[in-house]
Amino acid sequence: MCESDTVKNVMVTGATGFVGRHVVRELLARGLRPVCVVRSPGKLARQLRDVPPDRWRALPGTLEDRDVLRQAAGLSDAAIHLVGIIIERRLRGQTFERVHARGTWHVVEAAGRAGIKRIIHLSSLGARPDARTAYHRTKWTAEEYVRQSGVEWTIFQPSLIHGPDGDFMKLMQQLSCGLLPPFVPYFGSGQAKLQPVSVDDVAHCVVDSLSRVETIGEIIPLGGPKAYTWIELYTTCRALLPKAKRWKPILPLPVAIAKLQALLSAPPLAFAELVVPSLGKYRFDRGNVQMSQEDNICDHRLAEEMFGISMRPFEKELAAYADRIG
């Protein structure tokens, strides 16, 4: 069913998020019409102010609004589910279980009820049932809901996704270019590896899979062409970011101390973030510390062969967009 001439309207969750913004643009570039379930339609309108309003549609709602999800699914031929969180914000009702697991179940249920035959789900490299972190366990639960849905599915598992408008690169800019903290910290040995993948490559693969029947029933890892240790990644960012304080040392923070710091700082930062939302980028939890100790790498050639592309090198991409981070 998933030939490009049969998919015209695509339900999108997470359309105003980092990856979602790029996926929506990719859909529009291919002549498809995104039907977006968004918390703030005004934010989406500002994001798409250069696009004629008949090219897209916004439905106000969240993953808890099942009637809205069903309405969006009823207007669509396929669904792309992108919503995810990296840290829980319980004061806002954002937990891994609620967002990753229950939210995905609601999307899958809406898609099935509407008769949608195709769903693309963005998961995470490292998702597994026996993971040490709730983040990865709930990502695996979400995958299970998708796999058992009866809908033709494709699941993507990306490593670290980077781009000029992503939170990770904004944090790297602050750590490398700001006066505080006086050093660039990493957790533990800093030797765990990750494989930064361009958000543009992720968006391309996600949307392209709609017209590739060979991706149905596939779990596709996404990573850039080169793996970096955390120390190597930080060193690269410090070298390429304009105005970086290259005198700032890159120093370890022992895992036990980092987890204790995450535990003790969580309550005050959670409340402070309600007043000053920008403080959220400095938050991390014990799960983030744990995940930083695990390799997050894959064979990027599978996606390259499947989609006929070459994954963009992190250093080349960073050099091109370094002065546009923010």
Protein backbone atom coordinates (compact mmCIF):
# COMPACT_ATOMS: atom_id res chain seq x y z
CA MET A 1 0.00 0.00 0.00
CA CYS A 2 2.86 2.33 0.68
CA GLU A 3 3.76 3.48 -2.77
CA SER A 4 4.21 7.23 -2.81
CA ASP A 5 1.13 7.79 -5.02
CA THR A 6 -1.17 6.35 -2.32
CA VAL A 7 0.21 8.38 0.60
CA LYS A 8 -0.88 12.01 0.52
CA ASN A 9 -1.77 12.97 4.09
CA VAL A 10 0.54 11.97 6.93
CA MET A 11 -0.32 12.18 10.62
CA VAL A 12 2.66 13.51 12.57
CA THR A 13 3.20 13.60 16.32
CA GLY A 14 6.01 15.73 17.70
CA ALA A 15 5.86 18.09 14.72
CA THR A 16 7.22 21.10 16.62
CA GLY A 17 10.09 19.18 18.22
CA PHE A 18 13.68 19.04 17.01
CA VAL A 19 13.28 16.05 14.68
CA GLY A 20 9.66 16.85 13.92
CA ARG A 21 10.46 20.24 12.43
CA HIS A 22 12.77 18.60 9.92
CA VAL A 23 10.39 15.72 9.17
CA VAL A 24 7.54 18.15 8.45
CA ARG A 25 9.77 20.10 6.05
CA GLU A 26 10.80 16.85 4.35
CA LEU A 27 7.15 15.85 3.93
CA LEU A 28 6.30 19.22 2.42
CA ALA A 29 9.29 19.06 0.08
CA ARG A 30 7.92 15.79 -1.28
CA GLY A 31 4.45 17.19 -1.85
CA LEU A 32 2.89 15.43 1.13
CA ARG A 33 0.51 17.08 3.59
CA PRO A 34 1.36 16.78 7.29
CA VAL A 35 -1.58 16.46 9.68
CA CYS A 36 0.02 17.46 12.96
CA VAL A 37 -1.21 16.79 16.48
CA VAL A 38 0.47 19.56 18.45
CA ARG A 39 0.17 21.11 21.87
CA SER A 40 0.57 24.59 20.36
CA PRO A 41 -0.87 25.15 16.86
CA GLY A 42 0.46 28.71 17.05
CA LYS A 43 4.00 27.43 17.38
CA LEU A 44 3.53 25.23 14.33
CA ALA A 45 2.07 28.16 12.40
CA ARG A 46 5.14 30.27 13.18
CA GLN A 47 7.35 27.37 12.18
CA LEU A 48 5.55 27.12 8.82
CA ARG A 49 4.84 30.81 8.21
CA ASP A 50 6.40 30.55 4.75
CA VAL A 51 4.15 27.61 3.76
CA PRO A 52 0.61 28.08 2.41
CA PRO A 53 -1.88 27.02 5.11
CA ASP A 54 -3.63 24.56 2.81
CA ARG A 55 -0.40 22.51 2.63
CA TRP A 56 -0.64 21.39 6.26
CA ARG A 57 -3.07 21.02 9.13
CA ALA A 58 -2.71 21.40 12.89
CA LEU A 59 -4.97 19.71 15.44
CA PRO A 60 -4.53 20.93 19.03
CA GLY A 61 -3.90 18.08 21.42
CA THR A 62 -1.45 15.75 23.13
CA LEU A 63 -0.86 12.01 23.20
CA GLU A 64 -3.47 11.84 25.96
CA ASP A 65 -6.18 13.28 23.70
CA ARG A 66 -7.39 10.08 22.10
CA ASP A 67 -10.25 11.70 20.20
CA VAL A 68 -7.84 14.15 18.59
CA LEU A 69 -5.46 11.34 17.66
CA ARG A 70 -8.35 9.43 16.09
CA GLN A 71 -9.41 12.52 14.16
CA ALA A 72 -5.87 13.02 12.83
CA ALA A 73 -5.59 9.36 11.90
CA GLY A 74 -8.93 9.52 10.11
CA LEU A 75 -7.61 12.33 7.94
CA SER A 76 -4.37 10.51 7.10
CA ASP A 77 -3.00 7.71 4.96
CA ALA A 78 0.05 7.05 7.14
CA ALA A 79 1.43 8.04 10.54
CA ILE A 80 4.84 9.19 11.75
CA HIS A 81 5.24 9.02 15.53
CA LEU A 82 8.17 11.10 16.80
CA VAL A 83 7.31 12.14 20.37
CA GLY A 84 9.92 11.28 22.99
CA ILE A 85 11.57 12.74 26.07
CA ILE A 86 15.09 12.31 27.42
CA ILE A 87 14.30 13.30 31.00
CA GLU A 88 11.12 13.06 33.06
CA ARG A 89 9.33 16.25 34.12
CA ARG A 90 6.83 14.98 36.63
CA LEU A 91 5.54 18.44 37.55
CA ARG A 92 4.33 18.66 33.96
CA GLY A 93 3.05 15.09 33.90
CA GLN A 94 5.82 13.99 31.54
CA THR A 95 7.07 10.53 32.51
CA PHE A 96 8.72 7.89 30.34
CA GLU A 97 5.81 5.53 30.94
CA ARG A 98 3.21 8.12 30.04
CA VAL A 99 4.95 9.58 26.98
CA HIS A 100 6.82 6.63 25.47
CA ALA A 101 4.61 3.68 26.39
CA ARG A 102 1.07 4.95 26.90
CA GLY A 103 1.42 7.70 24.31
CA THR A 104 2.55 5.23 21.66
CA TRP A 105 -0.29 2.89 22.54
CA HIS A 106 -2.76 5.72 21.98
CA VAL A 107 -1.21 6.53 18.59
CA VAL A 108 -1.24 2.87 17.54
CA GLU A 109 -4.85 2.47 18.65
CA ALA A 110 -5.91 5.55 16.70
CA ALA A 111 -4.07 4.37 13.59
CA GLY A 112 -5.62 0.92 13.77
CA ARG A 113 -9.13 2.24 14.33
CA ALA A 114 -8.82 4.61 11.35
CA GLY A 115 -7.56 1.87 9.07
CA ILE A 116 -4.13 3.39 8.57
CA LYS A 117 -1.90 0.71 7.08
CA ARG A 118 1.50 2.30 7.66
CA ILE A 119 3.21 3.70 10.75
CA ILE A 120 6.77 4.97 11.11
CA HIS A 121 8.07 5.05 14.67
CA LEU A 122 11.18 6.84 15.94
CA SER A 123 12.66 4.86 18.82
CA SER A 124 16.21 4.89 20.16
CA LEU A 125 19.38 2.88 19.71
CA GLY A 126 19.72 0.77 22.85
CA ALA A 127 16.00 0.16 23.41
CA ARG A 128 15.64 -3.25 25.07
CA PRO A 129 13.52 -4.87 27.79
CA ASP A 130 16.40 -5.50 30.20
CA ALA A 131 17.97 -2.03 29.98
CA ARG A 132 19.16 -0.40 33.18
CA THR A 133 17.28 2.82 32.42
CA ALA A 134 13.55 3.50 32.25
CA TYR A 135 14.20 5.54 29.11
CA HIS A 136 15.36 2.52 27.12
CA ARG A 137 12.87 0.11 28.70
CA THR A 138 9.90 2.29 27.81
CA LYS A 139 11.27 2.86 24.33
CA TRP A 140 11.29 -0.92 23.91
CA THR A 141 7.71 -1.15 25.23
CA ALA A 142 6.67 1.43 22.66
CA GLU A 143 8.34 -0.62 19.94
CA GLU A 144 6.41 -3.68 21.10
CA TYR A 145 3.11 -1.82 20.77
CA VAL A 146 4.05 -0.83 17.23
CA ARG A 147 5.21 -4.34 16.28
CA GLN A 148 2.02 -5.94 17.60
CA SER A 149 -0.32 -3.32 16.14
CA GLY A 150 -1.34 -5.10 12.97
CA VAL A 151 -0.24 -1.99 11.07
CA GLU A 152 2.62 -2.19 8.58
CA TRP A 153 5.47 -0.65 10.53
CA THR A 154 9.02 0.59 10.30
CA ILE A 155 11.04 1.42 13.42
CA PHE A 156 14.12 3.64 13.42
CA GLN A 157 16.70 3.49 16.21
CA PRO A 158 18.99 6.53 15.99
CA SER A 159 22.11 7.25 17.98
CA LEU A 160 22.65 10.87 19.07
CA ILE A 161 20.81 13.16 16.63
CA HIS A 162 22.54 16.49 15.97
CA GLY A 163 21.72 19.72 14.20
CA PRO A 164 21.96 23.49 14.75
CA ASP A 165 18.53 23.69 16.41
CA GLY A 166 18.95 20.63 18.65
CA ASP A 167 19.31 20.76 22.42
CA PHE A 168 22.55 18.77 22.42
CA MET A 169 24.42 21.24 20.23
CA LYS A 170 23.00 24.16 22.19
CA LEU A 171 24.38 22.57 25.34
CA MET A 172 27.74 21.96 23.67
CA GLN A 173 27.85 25.60 22.67
CA GLN A 174 27.15 26.71 26.23
CA LEU A 175 29.70 24.35 27.75
CA SER A 176 32.39 25.22 25.21
CA CYS A 177 31.78 28.95 24.79
CA GLY A 178 30.42 30.08 28.15
CA LEU A 179 32.50 31.08 31.15
CA LEU A 180 30.56 28.69 33.36
CA PRO A 181 31.12 25.97 34.16
CA PRO A 182 34.90 26.50 34.20
CA PHE A 183 35.46 23.11 32.57
CA VAL A 184 33.65 20.78 30.16
CA PRO A 185 32.47 17.76 32.17
CA TYR A 186 31.94 14.18 31.06
CA PHE A 187 30.76 11.26 33.16
CA GLY A 188 33.00 8.37 34.15
CA SER A 189 35.83 7.39 31.84
CA GLY A 190 34.40 9.17 28.81
CA GLN A 191 35.31 6.15 26.67
CA ALA A 192 31.80 4.96 25.77
CA LYS A 193 31.12 5.53 22.08
CA LEU A 194 28.28 7.17 20.23
CA GLN A 195 27.64 7.84 16.56
CA PRO A 196 26.20 11.32 15.88
CA VAL A 197 23.70 11.29 13.02
CA SER A 198 22.48 14.38 11.17
CA VAL A 199 18.87 15.35 11.81
CA ASP A 200 18.53 15.90 8.06
CA ASP A 201 19.56 12.30 7.40
CA VAL A 202 17.09 11.08 10.01
CA ALA A 203 14.26 13.10 8.45
CA HIS A 204 15.16 11.84 4.99
CA CYS A 205 15.10 8.19 6.04
CA VAL A 206 11.89 8.54 8.06
CA VAL A 207 9.95 10.12 5.19
CA ASP A 208 11.58 8.06 2.45
CA SER A 209 10.49 4.85 4.19
CA LEU A 210 6.87 5.72 3.37
CA SER A 211 7.55 4.88 -0.28
CA ARG A 212 9.86 1.91 0.30
CA VAL A 213 7.96 -1.32 0.85
CA GLU A 214 11.24 -3.07 1.66
CA THR A 215 11.37 -1.15 4.95
CA ILE A 216 8.11 -2.66 6.20
CA GLY A 217 8.72 -4.78 9.29
CA GLU A 218 12.31 -3.54 9.64
CA ILE A 219 14.11 -2.08 12.65
CA ILE A 220 16.66 0.28 11.14
CA PRO A 221 19.55 1.72 13.19
CA LEU A 222 20.70 5.22 12.28
CA GLY A 223 24.18 6.53 12.96
CA GLY A 224 26.73 8.74 11.32
CA PRO A 225 29.78 7.36 9.50
CA LYS A 226 32.09 7.75 12.51
CA ALA A 227 31.89 6.76 16.17
CA TYR A 228 33.30 9.05 18.86
CA THR A 229 34.05 8.62 22.52
CA TRP A 230 32.54 11.34 24.68
CA ILE A 231 36.01 12.85 25.11
CA GLU A 232 36.56 12.86 21.35
CA LEU A 233 33.13 14.38 20.76
CA TYR A 234 33.68 17.18 23.25
CA THR A 235 37.17 17.84 21.87
CA THR A 236 35.76 18.08 18.34
CA CYS A 237 33.03 20.50 19.42
CA ARG A 238 35.50 22.68 21.29
CA ALA A 239 37.76 22.81 18.24
CA LEU A 240 35.04 23.71 15.72
CA LEU A 241 32.65 25.98 17.61
CA PRO A 242 33.29 29.71 17.07
CA LYS A 243 34.13 31.58 20.26
CA ALA A 244 34.86 28.35 22.11
CA LYS A 245 37.03 28.81 25.19
CA ARG A 246 39.69 26.41 24.04
CA TRP A 247 41.54 26.87 27.30
CA LYS A 248 38.69 25.18 29.16
CA PRO A 249 39.77 21.68 30.19
CA ILE A 250 37.64 18.61 29.49
CA LEU A 251 37.46 16.79 32.81
CA PRO A 252 35.77 13.69 34.24
CA LEU A 253 32.98 13.67 36.79
CA PRO A 254 32.91 10.30 38.58
CA VAL A 255 29.73 8.33 37.90
CA ALA A 256 28.75 8.05 41.57
CA ILE A 257 29.14 11.80 42.11
CA ALA A 258 27.25 12.57 38.89
CA LYS A 259 24.34 10.36 39.93
CA LEU A 260 24.28 11.93 43.38
CA GLN A 261 24.34 15.40 41.83
CA ALA A 262 21.46 14.43 39.54
CA LEU A 263 19.45 13.17 42.51
CA LEU A 264 20.05 16.21 44.72
CA SER A 265 19.59 18.83 42.02
CA ALA A 266 16.37 17.38 40.59
CA PRO A 267 13.83 18.99 42.98
CA PRO A 268 15.17 22.58 42.90
CA LEU A 269 15.81 22.52 39.15
CA ALA A 270 12.36 21.06 38.47
CA PHE A 271 10.71 23.99 40.22
CA ALA A 272 13.13 26.56 38.79
CA GLU A 273 12.46 25.30 35.28
CA LEU A 274 8.78 26.18 35.67
CA VAL A 275 9.81 29.82 36.10
CA VAL A 276 12.81 29.88 33.75
CA PRO A 277 12.26 27.18 31.08
CA SER A 278 15.75 27.65 29.63
CA LEU A 279 17.21 26.08 32.77
CA GLY A 280 15.89 22.76 31.50
CA LYS A 281 18.86 22.26 29.21
CA TYR A 282 21.13 21.93 32.24
CA ARG A 283 19.11 19.13 33.80
CA PHE A 284 20.22 15.52 33.74
CA ASP A 285 19.13 12.48 35.70
CA ARG A 286 20.72 9.26 36.86
CA GLY A 287 19.49 7.52 33.73
CA ASN A 288 21.34 10.01 31.54
CA VAL A 289 24.51 9.30 33.51
CA GLN A 290 24.01 5.56 33.11
CA MET A 291 23.37 5.79 29.37
CA SER A 292 26.56 7.80 28.92
CA GLN A 293 28.48 4.74 30.13
CA GLU A 294 27.07 2.49 27.40
CA ASP A 295 28.13 2.34 23.76
CA ASN A 296 25.47 3.73 21.41
CA ILE A 297 26.77 2.66 18.02
CA CYS A 298 25.55 0.73 14.99
CA ASP A 299 26.38 -0.30 11.44
CA HIS A 300 25.38 2.82 9.51
CA ARG A 301 25.80 1.04 6.19
CA LEU A 302 22.42 -0.69 6.48
CA ALA A 303 20.56 2.62 6.21
CA GLU A 304 22.93 3.88 3.52
CA GLU A 305 22.25 0.83 1.37
CA MET A 306 18.52 0.80 2.06
CA PHE A 307 17.98 4.48 1.26
CA GLY A 308 20.77 5.04 -1.26
CA ILE A 309 22.46 7.83 0.70
CA SER A 310 25.77 8.56 2.40
CA MET A 311 25.43 9.60 6.02
CA ARG A 312 26.85 13.06 6.62
CA PRO A 313 30.06 13.28 8.66
CA PHE A 314 29.59 14.99 12.02
CA GLU A 315 32.67 17.21 11.76
CA LYS A 316 31.79 18.47 8.28
CA GLU A 317 28.21 19.20 9.30
CA LEU A 318 29.22 20.93 12.53
CA ALA A 319 31.72 23.13 10.69
CA ALA A 320 28.94 24.16 8.29
CA TYR A 321 26.34 25.07 10.91
CA ALA A 322 28.46 26.03 13.93
CA ASP A 323 27.63 29.73 13.67
CA ARG A 324 23.88 28.98 13.42
CA ILE A 325 23.43 27.00 16.64
CA GLY A 326 20.55 28.30 18.68
